[in-house]
Amino acid sequence: MRNIILIVALLLVPFFGLALFGAAEVSRGQIATTCVLLFTGIGHFLQSKPMSAMIPLQVPKPFRLPIIYASGMFEIVAAIAVLVPGWSRAVGILLCLFLVVVLPANIDAAIRRVPFGGHGAGPNYLLVRVPLQVALLCWICWFDIRPGV
């Protein structure tokens, strides 16, 4: 639950805090996206072994850590790329696809009560996790995909 609160804070604090300095709404939203992605991406490297337990059991063990590292690297690169003018739309689309692809793994981890990142709470954790992922999808659509329309 602590990570969920931190992710929400990483979205809202930069978004509203940068408003005090007159930053444009879209820029504030993209910077907030970057903050969340850096946090989650770095987490893939700092907590790689426990995080690998979240990968569905159908994935053979030798592939789990490389998947964690690759997804962490994707999040870090996307965190930077979303700030590059002209790239935010394409990166936002890739991020939305990524969030949709990882959602089943998060559901599986909660059902299996994986003791990492709140998933140990079981299916009840999904009552918070799934709406957060939907909110993050909406955030990315609004601030990263929509501006190029």
C-alpha atoms as a PDB file:
ATOM      1  CA  MET A   1       0.000   0.000   0.000  1.00  0.00           C
ATOM      2  CA  ARG A   2       2.942   2.293   0.701  1.00  0.00           C
ATOM      3  CA  ASN A   3       4.066   2.087  -2.946  1.00  0.00           C
ATOM      4  CA  ILE A   4       0.586   3.039  -4.149  1.00  0.00           C
ATOM      5  CA  ILE A   5       0.600   6.154  -1.960  1.00  0.00           C
ATOM      6  CA  LEU A   6       4.088   7.016  -3.185  1.00  0.00           C
ATOM      7  CA  ILE A   7       3.069   6.603  -6.848  1.00  0.00           C
ATOM      8  CA  VAL A   8       0.042   8.865  -6.343  1.00  0.00           C
ATOM      9  CA  ALA A   9       2.298  11.420  -4.618  1.00  0.00           C
ATOM     10  CA  LEU A  10       4.829  11.195  -7.471  1.00  0.00           C
ATOM     11  CA  LEU A  11       2.029  12.111  -9.859  1.00  0.00           C
ATOM     12  CA  LEU A  12       0.344  14.849  -7.861  1.00  0.00           C
ATOM     13  CA  VAL A  13       3.195  16.653  -6.076  1.00  0.00           C
ATOM     14  CA  PRO A  14       5.159  17.559  -9.236  1.00  0.00           C
ATOM     15  CA  PHE A  15       1.945  18.310 -11.130  1.00  0.00           C
ATOM     16  CA  PHE A  16       0.604  20.780  -8.585  1.00  0.00           C
ATOM     17  CA  GLY A  17       3.988  21.901  -7.270  1.00  0.00           C
ATOM     18  CA  LEU A  18       5.244  22.973 -10.699  1.00  0.00           C
ATOM     19  CA  ALA A  19       2.037  24.968 -11.197  1.00  0.00           C
ATOM     20  CA  LEU A  20       3.362  27.350  -8.542  1.00  0.00           C
ATOM     21  CA  PHE A  21       6.210  28.164 -10.927  1.00  0.00           C
ATOM     22  CA  GLY A  22       3.932  28.701 -13.919  1.00  0.00           C
ATOM     23  CA  ALA A  23       4.805  25.484 -15.753  1.00  0.00           C
ATOM     24  CA  ALA A  24       2.365  24.471 -18.492  1.00  0.00           C
ATOM     25  CA  GLU A  25      -0.184  21.794 -17.636  1.00  0.00           C
ATOM     26  CA  VAL A  26       1.050  19.296 -20.238  1.00  0.00           C
ATOM     27  CA  SER A  27       4.676  19.725 -19.123  1.00  0.00           C
ATOM     28  CA  ARG A  28       3.670  19.196 -15.495  1.00  0.00           C
ATOM     29  CA  GLY A  29       1.791  16.033 -16.418  1.00  0.00           C
ATOM     30  CA  GLN A  30       4.720  14.687 -18.418  1.00  0.00           C
ATOM     31  CA  ILE A  31       7.185  15.448 -15.625  1.00  0.00           C
ATOM     32  CA  ALA A  32       4.899  13.622 -13.184  1.00  0.00           C
ATOM     33  CA  THR A  33       4.772  10.652 -15.576  1.00  0.00           C
ATOM     34  CA  THR A  34       8.575  10.708 -15.626  1.00  0.00           C
ATOM     35  CA  CYS A  35       8.758  10.713 -11.814  1.00  0.00           C
ATOM     36  CA  VAL A  36       6.531   7.641 -11.558  1.00  0.00           C
ATOM     37  CA  LEU A  37       8.381   5.755 -14.296  1.00  0.00           C
ATOM     38  CA  LEU A  38      11.791   6.485 -12.786  1.00  0.00           C
ATOM     39  CA  PHE A  39      10.567   5.240  -9.405  1.00  0.00           C
ATOM     40  CA  THR A  40       9.079   2.042 -10.816  1.00  0.00           C
ATOM     41  CA  GLY A  41      11.910   1.456 -13.295  1.00  0.00           C
ATOM     42  CA  ILE A  42      14.648   1.810 -10.675  1.00  0.00           C
ATOM     43  CA  GLY A  43      12.625  -0.503  -8.429  1.00  0.00           C
ATOM     44  CA  HIS A  44      13.044  -3.255 -11.028  1.00  0.00           C
ATOM     45  CA  PHE A  45      16.798  -3.166 -10.376  1.00  0.00           C
ATOM     46  CA  LEU A  46      16.742  -2.632  -6.609  1.00  0.00           C
ATOM     47  CA  GLN A  47      14.070  -5.274  -5.948  1.00  0.00           C
ATOM     48  CA  SER A  48      14.589  -7.564  -8.944  1.00  0.00           C
ATOM     49  CA  LYS A  49      14.528 -10.919  -7.133  1.00  0.00           C
ATOM     50  CA  PRO A  50      11.351 -10.349  -5.106  1.00  0.00           C
ATOM     51  CA  MET A  51       9.749  -8.692  -8.124  1.00  0.00           C
ATOM     52  CA  SER A  52      10.529 -11.739 -10.273  1.00  0.00           C
ATOM     53  CA  ALA A  53       8.178 -13.773  -8.049  1.00  0.00           C
ATOM     54  CA  MET A  54       5.323 -11.689  -9.499  1.00  0.00           C
ATOM     55  CA  ILE A  55       5.868 -13.122 -12.965  1.00  0.00           C
ATOM     56  CA  PRO A  56       3.307 -15.856 -13.715  1.00  0.00           C
ATOM     57  CA  LEU A  57       4.431 -19.401 -13.004  1.00  0.00           C
ATOM     58  CA  GLN A  58       4.038 -20.340 -16.676  1.00  0.00           C
ATOM     59  CA  VAL A  59       7.168 -18.297 -17.434  1.00  0.00           C
ATOM     60  CA  PRO A  60      10.262 -20.462 -16.849  1.00  0.00           C
ATOM     61  CA  LYS A  61      12.489 -19.277 -13.971  1.00  0.00           C
ATOM     62  CA  PRO A  62      15.551 -18.528 -16.157  1.00  0.00           C
ATOM     63  CA  PHE A  63      13.512 -15.885 -18.026  1.00  0.00           C
ATOM     64  CA  ARG A  64      12.055 -14.070 -15.015  1.00  0.00           C
ATOM     65  CA  LEU A  65      14.991 -11.887 -13.977  1.00  0.00           C
ATOM     66  CA  PRO A  66      15.774 -10.843 -17.572  1.00  0.00           C
ATOM     67  CA  ILE A  67      12.110  -9.845 -17.979  1.00  0.00           C
ATOM     68  CA  ILE A  68      12.295  -7.756 -14.797  1.00  0.00           C
ATOM     69  CA  TYR A  69      15.498  -6.052 -15.981  1.00  0.00           C
ATOM     70  CA  ALA A  70      14.124  -5.444 -19.481  1.00  0.00           C
ATOM     71  CA  SER A  71      10.861  -3.975 -18.189  1.00  0.00           C
ATOM     72  CA  GLY A  72      12.770  -1.783 -15.723  1.00  0.00           C
ATOM     73  CA  MET A  73      15.013  -0.531 -18.502  1.00  0.00           C
ATOM     74  CA  PHE A  74      11.955   0.138 -20.672  1.00  0.00           C
ATOM     75  CA  GLU A  75      10.393   2.227 -17.887  1.00  0.00           C
ATOM     76  CA  ILE A  76      13.569   4.261 -17.350  1.00  0.00           C
ATOM     77  CA  VAL A  77      14.054   4.919 -21.081  1.00  0.00           C
ATOM     78  CA  ALA A  78      10.354   5.797 -21.420  1.00  0.00           C
ATOM     79  CA  ALA A  79      10.646   8.162 -18.430  1.00  0.00           C
ATOM     80  CA  ILE A  80      13.252  10.153 -20.294  1.00  0.00           C
ATOM     81  CA  ALA A  81      11.729   9.801 -23.768  1.00  0.00           C
ATOM     82  CA  VAL A  82       8.334  11.119 -22.675  1.00  0.00           C
ATOM     83  CA  LEU A  83      10.014  14.496 -22.094  1.00  0.00           C
ATOM     84  CA  VAL A  84      11.531  14.661 -25.584  1.00  0.00           C
ATOM     85  CA  PRO A  85       9.456  16.967 -27.805  1.00  0.00           C
ATOM     86  CA  GLY A  86       7.720  14.977 -30.517  1.00  0.00           C
ATOM     87  CA  TRP A  87       8.203  11.625 -28.768  1.00  0.00           C
ATOM     88  CA  SER A  88       5.630  11.801 -25.974  1.00  0.00           C
ATOM     89  CA  ARG A  89       2.736  10.540 -28.110  1.00  0.00           C
ATOM     90  CA  ALA A  90       4.541   7.407 -29.361  1.00  0.00           C
ATOM     91  CA  VAL A  91       6.037   6.728 -25.928  1.00  0.00           C
ATOM     92  CA  GLY A  92       2.633   7.239 -24.305  1.00  0.00           C
ATOM     93  CA  ILE A  93       1.072   4.668 -26.623  1.00  0.00           C
ATOM     94  CA  LEU A  94       3.844   2.177 -25.799  1.00  0.00           C
ATOM     95  CA  LEU A  95       3.391   2.853 -22.079  1.00  0.00           C
ATOM     96  CA  CYS A  96      -0.351   2.233 -22.285  1.00  0.00           C
ATOM     97  CA  LEU A  97       0.282  -1.053 -24.095  1.00  0.00           C
ATOM     98  CA  PHE A  98       2.870  -1.955 -21.451  1.00  0.00           C
ATOM     99  CA  LEU A  99       0.417  -1.255 -18.602  1.00  0.00           C
ATOM    100  CA  VAL A 100      -2.224  -3.433 -20.275  1.00  0.00           C
ATOM    101  CA  VAL A 101       0.297  -6.251 -20.821  1.00  0.00           C
ATOM    102  CA  VAL A 102       1.537  -6.273 -17.198  1.00  0.00           C
ATOM    103  CA  LEU A 103      -1.933  -6.090 -15.643  1.00  0.00           C
ATOM    104  CA  PRO A 104      -2.537  -9.876 -15.870  1.00  0.00           C
ATOM    105  CA  ALA A 105       0.781 -10.494 -14.074  1.00  0.00           C
ATOM    106  CA  ASN A 106      -0.307  -8.145 -11.283  1.00  0.00           C
ATOM    107  CA  ILE A 107      -3.649  -9.927 -11.027  1.00  0.00           C
ATOM    108  CA  ASP A 108      -1.914 -13.322 -10.977  1.00  0.00           C
ATOM    109  CA  ALA A 109       0.521 -12.142  -8.279  1.00  0.00           C
ATOM    110  CA  ALA A 110      -2.359 -10.958  -6.081  1.00  0.00           C
ATOM    111  CA  ILE A 111      -4.285 -14.199  -6.542  1.00  0.00           C
ATOM    112  CA  ARG A 112      -1.131 -16.156  -5.601  1.00  0.00           C
ATOM    113  CA  ARG A 113      -0.513 -13.717  -2.708  1.00  0.00           C
ATOM    114  CA  VAL A 114       3.075 -12.994  -3.744  1.00  0.00           C
ATOM    115  CA  PRO A 115       4.653 -11.268  -0.728  1.00  0.00           C
ATOM    116  CA  PHE A 116       5.915  -8.226  -2.637  1.00  0.00           C
ATOM    117  CA  GLY A 117       4.531  -4.791  -3.419  1.00  0.00           C
ATOM    118  CA  GLY A 118       1.221  -5.339  -1.663  1.00  0.00           C
ATOM    119  CA  HIS A 119       0.281  -8.456  -3.613  1.00  0.00           C
ATOM    120  CA  GLY A 120       0.557 -10.514  -0.421  1.00  0.00           C
ATOM    121  CA  ALA A 121      -2.763  -8.939   0.599  1.00  0.00           C
ATOM    122  CA  GLY A 122      -4.352 -11.107  -2.052  1.00  0.00           C
ATOM    123  CA  PRO A 123      -7.210 -10.282  -4.407  1.00  0.00           C
ATOM    124  CA  ASN A 124      -8.361  -7.398  -2.176  1.00  0.00           C
ATOM    125  CA  TYR A 125      -5.172  -5.574  -3.207  1.00  0.00           C
ATOM    126  CA  LEU A 126      -6.546  -5.494  -6.744  1.00  0.00           C
ATOM    127  CA  LEU A 127      -9.327  -3.176  -5.533  1.00  0.00           C
ATOM    128  CA  VAL A 128      -6.590  -0.551  -5.228  1.00  0.00           C
ATOM    129  CA  ARG A 129      -4.039  -1.715  -7.795  1.00  0.00           C
ATOM    130  CA  VAL A 130      -6.346  -2.034 -10.817  1.00  0.00           C
ATOM    131  CA  PRO A 131      -7.923   1.436 -10.388  1.00  0.00           C
ATOM    132  CA  LEU A 132      -4.408   2.873  -9.972  1.00  0.00           C
ATOM    133  CA  GLN A 133      -3.307   1.288 -13.257  1.00  0.00           C
ATOM    134  CA  VAL A 134      -6.458   2.579 -14.969  1.00  0.00           C
ATOM    135  CA  ALA A 135      -5.797   6.059 -13.539  1.00  0.00           C
ATOM    136  CA  LEU A 136      -2.200   5.883 -14.763  1.00  0.00           C
ATOM    137  CA  LEU A 137      -3.443   4.856 -18.214  1.00  0.00           C
ATOM    138  CA  CYS A 138      -5.793   7.853 -18.245  1.00  0.00           C
ATOM    139  CA  TRP A 139      -3.006  10.149 -17.029  1.00  0.00           C
ATOM    140  CA  ILE A 140      -0.682   8.997 -19.806  1.00  0.00           C
ATOM    141  CA  CYS A 141      -3.446   9.350 -22.401  1.00  0.00           C
ATOM    142  CA  TRP A 142      -4.248  12.888 -21.217  1.00  0.00           C
ATOM    143  CA  PHE A 143      -0.744  14.266 -20.809  1.00  0.00           C
ATOM    144  CA  ASP A 144       1.420  12.185 -23.129  1.00  0.00           C
ATOM    145  CA  ILE A 145      -0.768  10.987 -26.002  1.00  0.00           C
ATOM    146  CA  ARG A 146      -3.431  13.707 -26.325  1.00  0.00           C
ATOM    147  CA  PRO A 147      -1.206  16.811 -26.610  1.00  0.00           C
ATOM    148  CA  GLY A 148      -0.175  15.939 -30.183  1.00  0.00           C
ATOM    149  CA  VAL A 149      -3.783  15.771 -31.374  1.00  0.00           C
END
